[in-house]
Amino acid sequence: MSTDIHRAIDAVWRIESPRLIAGLARMVRDVSLAEDLAQDALVAALERWPESGIPDNPGAWLMAAAKHRAIDTFRRTKLLERKHEELGRQVDARQEAAVAALESAIDDHVGDDLLRLIFVACYPVLTAEARVALTLRLLGGLTTDEIARAFLVPEPTIAQRIVRAKRTLSEKRVPFELPRKADLAERLSSVLEVIYLIFNEGYSATAGDDLMRPALCEEALRLGRILAELAPAEPEVHGLVALMEIQASRAAARVGLTGEPILLLDQDRSRWDQLLISRGFAALERSQKLGGARGLYTLQAAVAACHARATVAADTNWARIASLYEELLEYSPSPVIELNRAVAVAMAFGPAAGLEIVQTLTQEPSLKSYHLLPSVRGDLLSKLDRNEEACTEFERAASLTRNARERELLLNRARTCAEAHRQTSHSANSNASRTN
């Protein structure tokens, strides 16, 4: 029973902690303090909920616990004294006024705290890498390990970025508010990157027992839709929303009855969510109508739209997709995009053509631990009946992924290739014996 309740608390924490931290950050104007207060609330929940049970509204319970902790903290420290000394008021009056203001702020939700904190974390004083890492940690609920794998960099690097980012925000006294229109564009690209990385972690979890983390996909979609209303004239905002809507439409078809992954070409497309697809098409059209050069997200949305328009896998316009990836590479050169282009080229022009591109990526340092590189190479080798090599590649891919479902899929493919190689070798030996 204790194990079950702790698992339930952990699930509640994953869902509620981003909103809790975002709301507290707006109130106390300090990210580190907001995290500390949220952690104190979690400790209180771990102490009380095993006996009392999880409350009907766990998020409100955690916020109330954090509120009381914040009030106690402000009463104990000299923060109120310093603030009210500047105003020339008496210490007692200062403390009472500040506590009352804090209580009021906690109960007065203005705007969207999560979106506000994303823009705060993407403040120009931080490096681009720090902005993304901090926001994913605070609002995506990702561990430093998960963020590191998303960036293909060592975990200590991400941990240092997060610590430095929080310290910088505190030292620079960054205002906890949405940027004014003049400053919006400056931070928009980082905000879009953050939202999409959150979505990607939900769509294909880097670790754990489940292929997907649907709550992250839903949160990223929610933030993207809000942002589209906040910046209606920005094509890339609508491009990102279109991309996420279309990708999310496949969620029900991506896993089988026992949670096993189902590859894109094997999915039952009648299970794709047509409402999400139509919303994605509408967002893509909105992006394109705004004109200008197509950016990273609009181009990826166009790729997703090619898949969505094909009612069966065989109807997919792979040549068009390969062309879109070429355009993407011109806009944003990346070995991951090149790997995606290799898949499209293989589908359009044959596995040998795709494998030729993949071979150029095998020495790419940033892909050294990227499990999809040997996975794609294994797939293309198997299609060329080079099953022994394919088996090795699938086994390597399985050793690199931290997701249990992906690992199982890759090991199954390795076993299939190994069996095909044994049958081919047996057949060859039998034919040789008959010839002799």
Protein backbone atom coordinates (compact mmCIF):
# COMPACT_ATOMS: atom_id res chain seq x y z
CA MET A 1 0.00 0.00 0.00
CA SER A 2 2.86 2.36 0.92
CA THR A 3 4.53 1.66 -2.44
CA ASP A 4 1.29 2.35 -4.31
CA ILE A 5 0.69 5.67 -2.52
CA HIS A 6 4.25 6.80 -3.19
CA ARG A 7 3.90 5.94 -6.85
CA ALA A 8 0.68 7.94 -6.93
CA ILE A 9 2.39 10.89 -5.24
CA ASP A 10 5.21 10.70 -7.78
CA ALA A 11 2.66 10.77 -10.63
CA VAL A 12 0.87 13.75 -9.06
CA TRP A 13 4.18 15.54 -8.62
CA ARG A 14 5.15 15.08 -12.24
CA ILE A 15 1.85 16.60 -13.33
CA GLU A 16 1.54 19.39 -10.78
CA SER A 17 5.14 20.51 -10.13
CA PRO A 18 5.54 22.69 -13.25
CA ARG A 19 2.38 24.68 -12.48
CA LEU A 20 3.30 24.86 -8.81
CA ILE A 21 6.80 26.20 -9.49
CA ALA A 22 5.53 28.62 -12.13
CA GLY A 23 2.87 30.03 -9.82
CA LEU A 24 5.30 30.34 -6.91
CA ALA A 25 7.93 32.00 -9.12
CA ARG A 26 5.41 34.67 -10.10
CA MET A 27 4.68 35.32 -6.43
CA VAL A 28 8.15 35.25 -4.85
CA ARG A 29 10.10 36.47 -7.92
CA ASP A 30 12.86 33.90 -7.39
CA VAL A 31 13.15 30.61 -9.29
CA SER A 32 15.37 28.87 -6.74
CA LEU A 33 13.11 29.89 -3.86
CA ALA A 34 10.06 28.73 -5.82
CA GLU A 35 11.69 25.32 -6.34
CA ASP A 36 12.56 25.09 -2.63
CA LEU A 37 9.00 25.94 -1.62
CA ALA A 38 7.60 23.36 -4.05
CA GLN A 39 9.96 20.71 -2.66
CA ASP A 40 8.84 21.57 0.87
CA ALA A 41 5.25 21.02 -0.22
CA LEU A 42 6.22 17.65 -1.69
CA VAL A 43 7.86 16.63 1.59
CA ALA A 44 4.68 17.59 3.43
CA ALA A 45 2.64 15.48 0.99
CA LEU A 46 4.95 12.48 1.49
CA GLU A 47 4.46 12.81 5.24
CA ARG A 48 0.68 13.27 5.29
CA TRP A 49 -0.88 11.66 2.22
CA PRO A 50 0.06 8.04 3.10
CA GLU A 51 -2.22 8.44 6.16
CA SER A 52 -4.89 10.85 4.92
CA GLY A 53 -4.97 9.72 1.27
CA ILE A 54 -4.42 11.86 -1.83
CA PRO A 55 -6.78 14.88 -1.71
CA ASP A 56 -9.40 15.49 -4.40
CA ASN A 57 -7.43 18.48 -5.66
CA PRO A 58 -3.76 17.63 -5.04
CA GLY A 59 -2.51 20.69 -6.92
CA ALA A 60 -4.45 23.05 -4.64
CA TRP A 61 -3.21 21.15 -1.57
CA LEU A 62 0.41 21.48 -2.69
CA MET A 63 -0.04 25.18 -3.46
CA ALA A 64 -1.59 25.82 -0.03
CA ALA A 65 1.29 24.00 1.66
CA ALA A 66 3.81 26.00 -0.35
CA LYS A 67 1.94 29.21 0.47
CA HIS A 68 2.20 28.65 4.20
CA ARG A 69 5.87 27.77 3.85
CA ALA A 70 6.47 30.97 1.83
CA ILE A 71 4.77 33.10 4.47
CA ASP A 72 6.87 31.51 7.21
CA THR A 73 10.01 32.07 5.14
CA PHE A 74 9.24 35.72 4.58
CA ARG A 75 8.51 36.25 8.26
CA ARG A 76 11.82 34.69 9.30
CA THR A 77 14.10 36.48 6.89
CA LYS A 78 15.22 40.05 6.48
CA LEU A 79 13.77 40.31 2.99
CA LEU A 80 10.73 42.18 4.24
CA GLU A 81 12.85 44.52 6.32
CA ARG A 82 15.00 45.46 3.33
CA LYS A 83 11.99 45.99 1.10
CA HIS A 84 10.18 48.19 3.60
CA GLU A 85 13.26 50.12 4.66
CA GLU A 86 13.35 51.39 1.10
CA LEU A 87 9.78 52.55 1.54
CA GLY A 88 10.52 54.11 4.93
CA ARG A 89 7.86 52.14 6.80
CA GLN A 90 7.85 50.50 10.20
CA VAL A 91 9.02 46.89 10.33
CA ASP A 92 5.79 45.52 11.80
CA ALA A 93 3.63 47.24 9.21
CA ARG A 94 5.96 46.04 6.47
CA GLN A 95 5.69 42.40 7.50
CA GLU A 96 1.92 42.38 7.78
CA ALA A 97 1.48 44.12 4.43
CA ALA A 98 3.89 41.77 2.66
CA VAL A 99 2.26 38.64 4.07
CA ALA A 100 -1.18 39.90 3.06
CA ALA A 101 0.12 40.71 -0.44
CA LEU A 102 1.63 37.24 -0.75
CA GLU A 103 -1.61 35.57 0.29
CA SER A 104 -3.50 37.69 -2.21
CA ALA A 105 -1.03 36.92 -5.00
CA ILE A 106 -1.31 33.20 -4.37
CA ASP A 107 -5.07 33.33 -4.73
CA ASP A 108 -5.04 35.76 -7.68
CA HIS A 109 -4.10 33.93 -10.87
CA VAL A 110 -3.40 36.47 -13.61
CA GLY A 111 -2.49 35.18 -17.06
CA ASP A 112 -0.77 31.89 -17.66
CA ASP A 113 2.02 31.27 -15.18
CA LEU A 114 3.62 28.48 -17.19
CA LEU A 115 3.88 30.58 -20.33
CA ARG A 116 5.16 33.54 -18.29
CA LEU A 117 7.89 31.44 -16.74
CA ILE A 118 8.93 30.08 -20.14
CA PHE A 119 9.57 33.65 -21.30
CA VAL A 120 11.39 34.42 -18.06
CA ALA A 121 13.62 31.39 -18.51
CA CYS A 122 14.26 32.52 -22.08
CA TYR A 123 15.44 35.95 -20.97
CA PRO A 124 18.26 37.31 -23.19
CA VAL A 125 20.71 37.50 -20.28
CA LEU A 126 20.94 33.68 -20.44
CA THR A 127 22.66 31.71 -23.18
CA ALA A 128 20.38 29.90 -25.63
CA GLU A 129 21.45 26.53 -24.20
CA ALA A 130 20.75 27.64 -20.63
CA ARG A 131 17.30 28.99 -21.56
CA VAL A 132 16.19 25.69 -23.00
CA ALA A 133 17.70 23.55 -20.24
CA LEU A 134 16.19 25.64 -17.44
CA THR A 135 12.71 25.72 -18.94
CA LEU A 136 12.69 21.99 -19.60
CA ARG A 137 13.77 21.36 -16.02
CA LEU A 138 11.22 23.71 -14.45
CA LEU A 139 8.26 23.30 -16.74
CA GLY A 140 8.75 20.08 -18.63
CA GLY A 141 9.38 18.05 -15.51
CA LEU A 142 12.43 16.47 -17.15
CA THR A 143 15.45 15.24 -15.26
CA THR A 144 18.90 16.56 -16.12
CA ASP A 145 19.65 13.15 -17.68
CA GLU A 146 16.62 13.35 -19.97
CA ILE A 147 17.54 16.89 -21.02
CA ALA A 148 21.14 15.84 -21.65
CA ARG A 149 20.01 13.04 -23.95
CA ALA A 150 17.72 15.43 -25.81
CA PHE A 151 20.70 17.72 -26.42
CA LEU A 152 23.22 14.90 -26.99
CA VAL A 153 25.57 16.42 -24.38
CA PRO A 154 26.93 15.12 -21.02
CA GLU A 155 24.61 15.28 -18.01
CA PRO A 156 27.03 17.39 -15.86
CA THR A 157 27.00 20.03 -18.60
CA ILE A 158 23.22 20.35 -18.36
CA ALA A 159 23.30 20.41 -14.54
CA GLN A 160 25.83 23.27 -14.59
CA ARG A 161 23.76 25.22 -17.11
CA ILE A 162 20.67 24.96 -14.92
CA VAL A 163 22.47 26.05 -11.74
CA ARG A 164 24.12 28.99 -13.48
CA ALA A 165 20.87 30.02 -15.16
CA LYS A 166 18.93 30.17 -11.88
CA ARG A 167 21.73 32.10 -10.22
CA THR A 168 21.85 34.59 -13.11
CA LEU A 169 18.09 35.19 -13.05
CA SER A 170 18.29 35.91 -9.34
CA GLU A 171 21.34 38.17 -9.56
CA LYS A 172 19.95 40.15 -12.50
CA ARG A 173 16.54 40.51 -10.82
CA VAL A 174 14.80 39.46 -14.02
CA PRO A 175 11.14 40.61 -13.99
CA PHE A 176 8.63 37.76 -13.83
CA GLU A 177 6.32 38.99 -16.56
CA LEU A 178 5.52 38.38 -20.20
CA PRO A 179 7.72 40.48 -22.50
CA ARG A 180 6.33 43.52 -24.21
CA LYS A 181 5.69 43.36 -27.91
CA ALA A 182 9.03 44.96 -28.79
CA ASP A 183 10.93 42.23 -26.91
CA LEU A 184 8.76 39.30 -27.97
CA ALA A 185 10.57 38.34 -31.19
CA GLU A 186 13.94 38.33 -29.45
CA ARG A 187 12.92 35.47 -27.18
CA LEU A 188 10.47 33.71 -29.45
CA SER A 189 12.87 31.26 -31.10
CA SER A 190 14.07 29.93 -27.74
CA VAL A 191 10.49 29.64 -26.49
CA LEU A 192 9.49 27.66 -29.58
CA GLU A 193 12.48 25.36 -29.16
CA VAL A 194 11.57 24.73 -25.54
CA ILE A 195 7.94 23.94 -26.29
CA TYR A 196 8.90 21.55 -29.09
CA LEU A 197 11.48 19.73 -26.97
CA ILE A 198 8.85 19.26 -24.26
CA PHE A 199 6.50 17.86 -26.90
CA ASN A 200 9.20 15.55 -28.26
CA GLU A 201 9.94 14.14 -24.81
CA GLY A 202 6.25 13.37 -24.47
CA TYR A 203 6.02 11.90 -27.97
CA SER A 204 9.08 9.65 -27.62
CA ALA A 205 10.25 9.37 -24.02
CA THR A 206 14.02 9.15 -23.69
CA ALA A 207 13.78 6.74 -20.77
CA GLY A 208 11.35 4.68 -18.74
CA ASP A 209 8.89 1.88 -19.37
CA ASP A 210 6.49 3.77 -21.65
CA LEU A 211 7.01 4.92 -25.20
CA MET A 212 5.09 8.14 -24.62
CA ARG A 213 4.44 10.63 -21.83
CA PRO A 214 1.07 12.04 -23.00
CA ALA A 215 0.88 14.72 -20.30
CA LEU A 216 3.96 16.43 -21.77
CA CYS A 217 2.48 16.36 -25.28
CA GLU A 218 -0.74 17.88 -23.97
CA GLU A 219 1.14 20.57 -22.04
CA ALA A 220 3.26 21.51 -25.04
CA LEU A 221 0.17 21.69 -27.24
CA ARG A 222 -1.60 23.85 -24.69
CA LEU A 223 1.35 26.24 -24.47
CA GLY A 224 1.71 26.32 -28.26
CA ARG A 225 -1.96 27.19 -28.76
CA ILE A 226 -1.74 29.97 -26.16
CA LEU A 227 1.40 31.30 -27.82
CA ALA A 228 -0.35 31.31 -31.20
CA GLU A 229 -2.93 33.70 -29.75
CA LEU A 230 -0.21 35.78 -28.12
CA ALA A 231 1.79 36.14 -31.36
CA PRO A 232 -0.77 35.72 -34.18
CA ALA A 233 1.46 37.33 -36.82
CA GLU A 234 4.42 34.96 -36.30
CA PRO A 235 4.43 32.20 -38.98
CA GLU A 236 6.72 29.88 -37.02
CA VAL A 237 4.40 29.87 -34.01
CA HIS A 238 1.61 28.48 -36.20
CA GLY A 239 4.10 26.16 -37.89
CA LEU A 240 5.03 24.65 -34.53
CA VAL A 241 1.38 24.26 -33.53
CA ALA A 242 0.66 22.57 -36.88
CA LEU A 243 3.58 20.18 -36.40
CA MET A 244 2.53 19.22 -32.87
CA GLU A 245 -1.16 18.82 -33.77
CA ILE A 246 -0.38 16.47 -36.67
CA GLN A 247 2.17 14.43 -34.75
CA ALA A 248 -0.15 14.15 -31.75
CA SER A 249 -2.88 12.82 -34.05
CA ARG A 250 -0.95 9.52 -34.33
CA ALA A 251 -0.74 8.87 -30.58
CA ALA A 252 -3.44 6.17 -30.38
CA ALA A 253 -1.93 4.25 -33.31
CA ARG A 254 1.69 4.40 -32.09
CA VAL A 255 1.34 1.75 -29.38
CA GLY A 256 -0.25 -1.69 -29.30
CA LEU A 257 -2.50 -3.23 -26.67
CA THR A 258 0.42 -4.02 -24.37
CA GLY A 259 2.23 -0.73 -24.97
CA GLU A 260 4.59 -1.99 -27.65
CA PRO A 261 5.68 0.60 -30.27
CA ILE A 262 4.11 0.44 -33.74
CA LEU A 263 6.25 1.95 -36.50
CA LEU A 264 4.79 4.67 -38.72
CA LEU A 265 4.44 2.48 -41.81
CA ASP A 266 2.68 -0.25 -39.80
CA GLN A 267 0.16 1.99 -38.04
CA ASP A 268 -3.60 1.69 -38.49
CA ARG A 269 -4.24 5.12 -39.98
CA SER A 270 -7.95 4.90 -39.29
CA ARG A 271 -6.94 5.45 -35.65
CA TRP A 272 -5.26 8.76 -36.41
CA ASP A 273 -7.21 11.63 -34.84
CA GLN A 274 -8.82 13.49 -37.72
CA LEU A 275 -9.75 16.47 -35.54
CA LEU A 276 -6.10 17.04 -34.62
CA ILE A 277 -5.09 16.58 -38.26
CA SER A 278 -7.62 19.17 -39.42
CA ARG A 279 -6.41 21.56 -36.74
CA GLY A 280 -2.85 20.96 -37.87
CA PHE A 281 -3.73 21.64 -41.50
CA ALA A 282 -5.49 24.87 -40.47
CA ALA A 283 -2.45 26.03 -38.46
CA LEU A 284 -0.12 25.17 -41.36
CA GLU A 285 -2.30 27.15 -43.76
CA ARG A 286 -2.32 30.07 -41.33
CA SER A 287 1.48 29.97 -41.20
CA GLN A 288 1.85 29.87 -44.97
CA LYS A 289 -0.63 32.71 -45.51
CA LEU A 290 1.54 35.00 -43.40
CA GLY A 291 4.21 34.70 -46.10
CA GLY A 292 7.97 34.92 -45.88
CA ALA A 293 10.53 32.12 -46.00
CA ARG A 294 9.42 28.90 -44.40
CA GLY A 295 11.22 28.20 -41.15
CA LEU A 296 12.21 25.13 -39.15
CA TYR A 297 8.78 24.29 -37.74
CA THR A 298 6.71 25.16 -40.79
CA LEU A 299 8.89 22.91 -42.94
CA GLN A 300 8.63 20.04 -40.45
CA ALA A 301 4.87 20.57 -40.33
CA ALA A 302 4.81 20.27 -44.12
CA VAL A 303 6.59 16.90 -43.78
CA ALA A 304 4.05 15.76 -41.19
CA ALA A 305 1.24 16.90 -43.48
CA CYS A 306 2.58 14.65 -46.26
CA HIS A 307 2.17 11.67 -43.96
CA ALA A 308 -1.26 12.81 -42.78
CA ARG A 309 -2.57 13.16 -46.35
CA ALA A 310 -1.65 9.56 -47.20
CA THR A 311 -4.60 7.36 -46.23
CA VAL A 312 -2.33 4.32 -46.63
CA ALA A 313 1.44 4.18 -46.18
CA ALA A 314 2.01 3.27 -49.83
CA ASP A 315 0.52 6.62 -50.93
CA THR A 316 3.11 8.67 -49.05
CA ASN A 317 4.90 11.18 -51.27
CA TRP A 318 8.43 10.32 -50.17
CA ALA A 319 10.10 12.30 -52.95
CA ARG A 320 8.30 15.40 -51.70
CA ILE A 321 9.39 14.65 -48.13
CA ALA A 322 13.01 14.23 -49.24
CA SER A 323 12.78 17.60 -50.98
CA LEU A 324 11.41 19.24 -47.82
CA TYR A 325 14.29 17.82 -45.80
CA GLU A 326 16.73 19.29 -48.31
CA GLU A 327 15.08 22.67 -47.77
CA LEU A 328 15.31 22.12 -44.01
CA LEU A 329 19.04 21.43 -44.28
CA GLU A 330 19.55 24.71 -46.10
CA TYR A 331 17.70 26.53 -43.33
CA SER A 332 19.23 24.65 -40.39
CA PRO A 333 22.10 22.22 -41.15
CA SER A 334 21.89 19.30 -38.73
CA PRO A 335 23.04 15.66 -38.75
CA VAL A 336 19.66 14.61 -37.33
CA ILE A 337 17.83 16.29 -40.22
CA GLU A 338 20.27 14.65 -42.63
CA LEU A 339 19.44 11.27 -41.06
CA ASN A 340 15.74 11.95 -41.60
CA ARG A 341 16.48 12.89 -45.20
CA ALA A 342 18.29 9.58 -45.64
CA VAL A 343 15.14 7.71 -44.58
CA ALA A 344 13.02 9.67 -47.05
CA VAL A 345 15.55 9.12 -49.85
CA ALA A 346 15.59 5.37 -49.09
CA MET A 347 11.81 5.22 -49.29
CA ALA A 348 11.70 7.23 -52.50
CA PHE A 349 14.73 5.90 -54.37
CA GLY A 350 15.72 2.64 -52.67
CA PRO A 351 17.58 1.55 -49.51
CA ALA A 352 21.01 1.71 -51.17
CA ALA A 353 20.57 5.44 -51.85
CA GLY A 354 19.56 6.05 -48.26
CA LEU A 355 22.38 3.94 -46.85
CA GLU A 356 24.92 5.97 -48.82
CA ILE A 357 23.78 9.09 -46.94
CA VAL A 358 23.75 7.29 -43.58
CA GLN A 359 27.34 6.14 -44.10
CA THR A 360 28.46 9.80 -44.14
CA LEU A 361 27.00 10.25 -40.64
CA THR A 362 28.69 7.31 -38.89
CA GLN A 363 31.68 9.45 -37.86
CA GLU A 364 29.56 12.40 -36.71
CA PRO A 365 30.59 13.04 -33.05
CA SER A 366 27.18 14.38 -31.97
CA LEU A 367 25.50 11.15 -33.12
CA LYS A 368 27.88 8.82 -31.30
CA SER A 369 25.26 7.96 -28.67
CA TYR A 370 22.18 8.63 -30.81
CA HIS A 371 20.36 5.31 -31.01
CA LEU A 372 18.39 6.21 -34.13
CA LEU A 373 21.54 6.25 -36.28
CA PRO A 374 22.30 2.51 -35.91
CA SER A 375 18.54 1.85 -35.93
CA VAL A 376 18.13 3.47 -39.35
CA ARG A 377 21.31 1.83 -40.63
CA GLY A 378 20.04 -1.56 -39.43
CA ASP A 379 16.71 -1.05 -41.17
CA LEU A 380 18.36 -0.17 -44.49
CA LEU A 381 20.82 -3.07 -44.25
CA SER A 382 17.97 -5.50 -43.59
CA LYS A 383 16.16 -4.25 -46.68
CA LEU A 384 19.32 -5.00 -48.66
CA ASP A 385 19.39 -8.54 -47.16
CA ARG A 386 22.59 -7.77 -45.27
CA ASN A 387 21.03 -9.30 -42.21
CA GLU A 388 24.14 -10.13 -40.19
CA GLU A 389 25.24 -6.48 -40.31
CA ALA A 390 21.69 -5.34 -39.64
CA CYS A 391 21.52 -7.50 -36.52
CA THR A 392 24.68 -5.86 -35.15
CA GLU A 393 23.25 -2.39 -35.80
CA PHE A 394 19.94 -3.13 -34.09
CA GLU A 395 21.76 -4.57 -31.07
CA ARG A 396 23.90 -1.43 -30.87
CA ALA A 397 20.79 0.76 -31.11
CA ALA A 398 19.16 -1.25 -28.31
CA SER A 399 22.20 -0.73 -26.10
CA LEU A 400 22.00 3.05 -26.59
CA THR A 401 18.33 3.70 -25.91
CA ARG A 402 17.08 4.21 -22.34
CA ASN A 403 13.47 3.53 -23.24
CA ALA A 404 12.40 -0.01 -22.40
CA ARG A 405 9.78 -0.19 -25.16
CA GLU A 406 12.21 0.96 -27.84
CA ARG A 407 14.86 -1.45 -26.58
CA GLU A 408 12.44 -4.37 -26.81
CA LEU A 409 11.46 -3.41 -30.35
CA LEU A 410 15.09 -3.10 -31.46
CA LEU A 411 16.10 -6.42 -29.90
CA ASN A 412 13.16 -8.11 -31.63
CA ARG A 413 14.33 -6.70 -34.94
CA ALA A 414 17.86 -7.91 -34.17
CA ARG A 415 16.55 -11.42 -33.51
CA THR A 416 14.53 -11.37 -36.74
CA CYS A 417 17.63 -10.39 -38.73
CA ALA A 418 19.74 -13.02 -36.98
CA GLU A 419 17.19 -15.70 -37.89
CA ALA A 420 17.04 -14.49 -41.49
CA HIS A 421 20.85 -14.64 -41.67
CA ARG A 422 20.87 -18.21 -40.29
CA GLN A 423 18.27 -19.32 -42.84
CA THR A 424 20.18 -17.70 -45.68
CA SER A 425 23.43 -19.32 -44.56
CA HIS A 426 21.74 -22.72 -44.16
CA SER A 427 20.18 -22.42 -47.61
CA ALA A 428 23.52 -21.42 -49.13
CA ASN A 429 25.28 -24.37 -47.46
CA SER A 430 22.59 -26.80 -48.64
CA ASN A 431 22.91 -25.57 -52.21
CA ALA A 432 26.69 -25.90 -52.00
CA SER A 433 26.39 -29.48 -50.74
CA ARG A 434 24.09 -30.45 -53.59
CA THR A 435 26.46 -28.86 -56.09
CA ASN A 436 29.44 -30.75 -54.70
